């Protein structure tokens, strides 16, 4: 790992990691909630159109958003000190 110069740099790095881990947990929680909704609709023999249609659109959006956040975080972590 790179050599951090000051305590404020270490605090910023820890906050970046905490934000990244928190966001990934949020996305995983939303995806698991959507999967639970789909399974509950099928188990209750409910009309699955909304319970399946909305997650089929929302899950890729949340995954793409998580990918963008991870890409930005990784760019800051790797190339942030170079500039």
N, C-alpha and C. Protein backbone atom coordinates (compact mmCIF):
# COMPACT_ATOMS: atom_id res chain seq x y z
N UNK A 1 0.85 -1.17 0.00
CA UNK A 1 0.00 0.00 0.00
C UNK A 1 0.89 1.22 0.00
N UNK A 2 0.39 2.29 -0.53
CA UNK A 2 1.20 3.50 -0.66
C UNK A 2 1.47 4.12 0.71
N UNK A 3 2.49 4.93 0.73
CA UNK A 3 2.90 5.56 1.97
C UNK A 3 2.05 6.81 2.21
N UNK A 4 1.20 6.78 3.25
CA UNK A 4 0.34 7.91 3.55
C UNK A 4 1.13 8.95 4.35
N UNK A 5 0.91 10.22 4.05
CA UNK A 5 1.74 11.26 4.62
C UNK A 5 1.20 11.84 5.92
N UNK A 6 -0.08 11.96 6.07
CA UNK A 6 -0.62 12.62 7.25
C UNK A 6 -1.83 11.87 7.78
N UNK A 7 -2.21 12.16 9.02
CA UNK A 7 -3.42 11.52 9.57
C UNK A 7 -4.68 11.86 8.78
N UNK A 8 -4.73 13.04 8.17
CA UNK A 8 -5.92 13.38 7.37
C UNK A 8 -6.00 12.52 6.11
N UNK A 9 -4.84 12.16 5.54
CA UNK A 9 -4.85 11.25 4.39
C UNK A 9 -5.37 9.88 4.79
N UNK A 10 -4.97 9.42 5.97
CA UNK A 10 -5.44 8.13 6.45
C UNK A 10 -6.94 8.16 6.73
N UNK A 11 -7.43 9.26 7.28
CA UNK A 11 -8.85 9.41 7.55
C UNK A 11 -9.64 9.41 6.25
N UNK A 12 -9.15 10.11 5.26
CA UNK A 12 -9.84 10.16 3.96
C UNK A 12 -9.87 8.77 3.34
N UNK A 13 -8.77 8.05 3.42
CA UNK A 13 -8.72 6.70 2.85
C UNK A 13 -9.70 5.76 3.57
N UNK A 14 -9.79 5.87 4.90
CA UNK A 14 -10.73 5.04 5.65
C UNK A 14 -12.17 5.40 5.32
N UNK A 15 -12.44 6.69 5.16
CA UNK A 15 -13.80 7.12 4.79
C UNK A 15 -14.17 6.63 3.39
N UNK A 16 -13.20 6.64 2.48
CA UNK A 16 -13.46 6.13 1.13
C UNK A 16 -13.80 4.65 1.18
N UNK A 17 -13.05 3.88 1.95
CA UNK A 17 -13.32 2.45 2.07
C UNK A 17 -14.68 2.20 2.72
N UNK A 18 -14.99 2.97 3.75
CA UNK A 18 -16.27 2.80 4.44
C UNK A 18 -17.43 3.13 3.50
N UNK A 19 -17.29 4.17 2.72
CA UNK A 19 -18.33 4.56 1.77
C UNK A 19 -18.51 3.48 0.70
N UNK A 20 -17.40 2.94 0.21
CA UNK A 20 -17.47 1.91 -0.82
C UNK A 20 -18.12 0.64 -0.28
N UNK A 21 -17.72 0.20 0.89
CA UNK A 21 -18.29 -1.01 1.48
C UNK A 21 -19.77 -0.80 1.79
N UNK A 22 -20.11 0.36 2.32
CA UNK A 22 -21.52 0.66 2.62
C UNK A 22 -22.38 0.67 1.37
N UNK A 23 -21.87 1.23 0.28
CA UNK A 23 -22.64 1.26 -0.95
C UNK A 23 -22.84 -0.14 -1.52
N UNK A 24 -21.80 -0.96 -1.49
CA UNK A 24 -21.93 -2.32 -1.98
C UNK A 24 -22.94 -3.10 -1.14
N UNK A 25 -22.91 -2.92 0.18
CA UNK A 25 -23.89 -3.58 1.04
C UNK A 25 -25.31 -3.10 0.75
N UNK A 26 -25.47 -1.82 0.45
CA UNK A 26 -26.78 -1.29 0.09
C UNK A 26 -27.29 -1.93 -1.19
N UNK A 27 -26.45 -2.01 -2.20
CA UNK A 27 -26.86 -2.62 -3.47
C UNK A 27 -27.19 -4.09 -3.28
N UNK A 28 -26.38 -4.81 -2.52
CA UNK A 28 -26.68 -6.23 -2.28
C UNK A 28 -27.97 -6.40 -1.49
N UNK A 29 -28.23 -5.50 -0.54
CA UNK A 29 -29.48 -5.55 0.20
C UNK A 29 -30.70 -5.30 -0.67
N UNK A 30 -30.59 -4.34 -1.57
CA UNK A 30 -31.70 -4.05 -2.48
C UNK A 30 -31.95 -5.23 -3.42
N UNK A 31 -30.88 -5.81 -3.94
CA UNK A 31 -31.03 -6.95 -4.84
C UNK A 31 -31.64 -8.14 -4.11
N UNK A 32 -31.20 -8.40 -2.89
CA UNK A 32 -31.79 -9.52 -2.15
C UNK A 32 -33.25 -9.25 -1.80
N UNK A 33 -33.60 -8.00 -1.54
CA UNK A 33 -35.00 -7.65 -1.28
C UNK A 33 -35.85 -7.88 -2.52
N UNK A 34 -35.34 -7.51 -3.70
CA UNK A 34 -36.07 -7.74 -4.94
C UNK A 34 -36.25 -9.23 -5.20
N UNK A 35 -35.22 -10.01 -4.95
CA UNK A 35 -35.34 -11.46 -5.14
C UNK A 35 -36.36 -12.04 -4.19
N UNK A 36 -36.37 -11.54 -2.95
CA UNK A 36 -37.38 -11.98 -1.98
C UNK A 36 -38.79 -11.62 -2.47
N UNK A 37 -38.96 -10.43 -3.04
CA UNK A 37 -40.27 -10.04 -3.57
C UNK A 37 -40.72 -10.97 -4.70
N UNK A 38 -39.80 -11.31 -5.59
CA UNK A 38 -40.15 -12.21 -6.69
C UNK A 38 -40.53 -13.59 -6.15
N UNK A 39 -39.77 -14.12 -5.23
CA UNK A 39 -40.07 -15.44 -4.69
C UNK A 39 -41.37 -15.43 -3.88
N UNK A 40 -41.63 -14.36 -3.15
CA UNK A 40 -42.88 -14.27 -2.39
C UNK A 40 -44.09 -14.20 -3.32
N UNK A 41 -43.96 -13.47 -4.42
CA UNK A 41 -45.06 -13.39 -5.38
C UNK A 41 -45.33 -14.75 -6.01
N UNK A 42 -44.30 -15.48 -6.33
CA UNK A 42 -44.49 -16.80 -6.91
C UNK A 42 -45.05 -17.78 -5.87
N UNK A 43 -44.58 -17.68 -4.63
CA UNK A 43 -45.04 -18.58 -3.58
C UNK A 43 -46.51 -18.33 -3.22
N UNK A 44 -46.92 -17.05 -3.25
CA UNK A 44 -48.30 -16.70 -2.93
C UNK A 44 -49.23 -16.81 -4.14
N UNK A 45 -48.69 -17.22 -5.25
CA UNK A 45 -49.43 -17.33 -6.52
C UNK A 45 -50.11 -16.01 -6.87
N UNK A 46 -49.36 -14.95 -6.63
CA UNK A 46 -49.83 -13.60 -6.95
C UNK A 46 -49.49 -13.30 -8.42
N UNK A 47 -50.04 -12.23 -8.92
CA UNK A 47 -49.71 -11.81 -10.27
C UNK A 47 -48.26 -11.34 -10.26
N UNK A 48 -47.38 -12.05 -10.93
CA UNK A 48 -45.95 -11.75 -10.78
C UNK A 48 -45.45 -10.64 -11.71
N UNK A 49 -46.34 -9.99 -12.45
CA UNK A 49 -45.86 -9.02 -13.44
C UNK A 49 -45.08 -7.88 -12.80
N UNK A 50 -45.62 -7.25 -11.76
CA UNK A 50 -44.91 -6.14 -11.12
C UNK A 50 -43.78 -6.67 -10.24
N UNK A 51 -44.01 -7.78 -9.56
CA UNK A 51 -42.99 -8.31 -8.66
C UNK A 51 -41.78 -8.83 -9.41
N UNK A 52 -41.95 -9.19 -10.66
CA UNK A 52 -40.82 -9.66 -11.46
C UNK A 52 -40.34 -8.58 -12.42
N UNK A 53 -41.26 -7.80 -12.98
CA UNK A 53 -40.88 -6.79 -13.97
C UNK A 53 -40.02 -5.68 -13.41
N UNK A 54 -40.39 -5.16 -12.25
CA UNK A 54 -39.62 -4.06 -11.66
C UNK A 54 -38.21 -4.50 -11.29
N UNK A 55 -38.03 -5.63 -10.59
CA UNK A 55 -36.65 -6.05 -10.29
C UNK A 55 -35.82 -6.38 -11.52
N UNK A 56 -36.45 -6.90 -12.58
CA UNK A 56 -35.68 -7.21 -13.79
C UNK A 56 -35.10 -5.96 -14.42
N UNK A 57 -35.73 -4.83 -14.20
CA UNK A 57 -35.20 -3.56 -14.70
C UNK A 57 -34.27 -2.93 -13.67
N UNK A 58 -34.64 -3.00 -12.39
CA UNK A 58 -33.90 -2.28 -11.36
C UNK A 58 -32.58 -2.96 -11.00
N UNK A 59 -32.52 -4.28 -11.00
CA UNK A 59 -31.28 -4.97 -10.61
C UNK A 59 -30.12 -4.60 -11.53
N UNK A 60 -30.26 -4.63 -12.86
CA UNK A 60 -29.13 -4.20 -13.70
C UNK A 60 -28.75 -2.74 -13.50
N UNK A 61 -29.74 -1.89 -13.20
CA UNK A 61 -29.42 -0.48 -12.96
C UNK A 61 -28.57 -0.34 -11.70
N UNK A 62 -28.95 -1.04 -10.62
CA UNK A 62 -28.16 -0.97 -9.40
C UNK A 62 -26.79 -1.60 -9.59
N UNK A 63 -26.68 -2.66 -10.37
CA UNK A 63 -25.37 -3.25 -10.63
C UNK A 63 -24.49 -2.32 -11.45
N UNK A 64 -25.08 -1.63 -12.43
CA UNK A 64 -24.31 -0.66 -13.22
C UNK A 64 -23.85 0.51 -12.34
N UNK A 65 -24.73 0.98 -11.48
CA UNK A 65 -24.37 2.06 -10.56
C UNK A 65 -23.25 1.62 -9.62
N UNK A 66 -23.33 0.40 -9.11
CA UNK A 66 -22.27 -0.12 -8.25
C UNK A 66 -20.95 -0.23 -9.02
N UNK A 67 -21.03 -0.63 -10.28
CA UNK A 67 -19.82 -0.70 -11.11
C UNK A 67 -19.18 0.66 -11.33
N UNK A 68 -20.00 1.68 -11.55
CA UNK A 68 -19.47 3.03 -11.73
C UNK A 68 -18.82 3.53 -10.44
N UNK A 69 -19.48 3.30 -9.31
CA UNK A 69 -18.91 3.73 -8.03
C UNK A 69 -17.60 2.99 -7.76
N UNK A 70 -17.57 1.70 -8.04
CA UNK A 70 -16.34 0.94 -7.84
C UNK A 70 -15.24 1.42 -8.77
N UNK A 71 -15.57 1.73 -10.01
CA UNK A 71 -14.58 2.23 -10.98
C UNK A 71 -13.99 3.56 -10.52
N UNK A 72 -14.83 4.46 -10.04
CA UNK A 72 -14.36 5.75 -9.56
C UNK A 72 -13.49 5.56 -8.32
N UNK A 73 -13.96 4.72 -7.40
CA UNK A 73 -13.19 4.47 -6.18
C UNK A 73 -11.84 3.86 -6.52
N UNK A 74 -11.81 2.90 -7.40
CA UNK A 74 -10.56 2.24 -7.76
C UNK A 74 -9.62 3.24 -8.44
N UNK A 75 -10.17 4.12 -9.27
CA UNK A 75 -9.34 5.15 -9.89
C UNK A 75 -8.74 6.09 -8.88
N UNK A 76 -9.52 6.45 -7.86
CA UNK A 76 -8.99 7.32 -6.82
C UNK A 76 -7.96 6.59 -5.96
N UNK A 77 -8.20 5.33 -5.68
CA UNK A 77 -7.29 4.58 -4.83
C UNK A 77 -5.96 4.30 -5.53
N UNK A 78 -6.00 4.02 -6.83
CA UNK A 78 -4.78 3.66 -7.55
C UNK A 78 -4.07 4.90 -8.08
N UNK A 79 -4.80 5.76 -8.77
CA UNK A 79 -4.17 6.89 -9.44
C UNK A 79 -4.32 8.22 -8.70
N UNK A 80 -4.99 8.20 -7.56
CA UNK A 80 -5.22 9.44 -6.84
C UNK A 80 -3.96 10.07 -6.30
N UNK A 81 -3.01 9.25 -5.89
CA UNK A 81 -1.76 9.77 -5.33
C UNK A 81 -0.79 10.18 -6.43
N UNK A 82 -0.97 9.71 -7.66
CA UNK A 82 -0.06 10.03 -8.75
C UNK A 82 -0.16 11.49 -9.18
N UNK A 83 -1.32 12.09 -8.97
CA UNK A 83 -1.52 13.45 -9.48
C UNK A 83 -1.07 14.50 -8.56
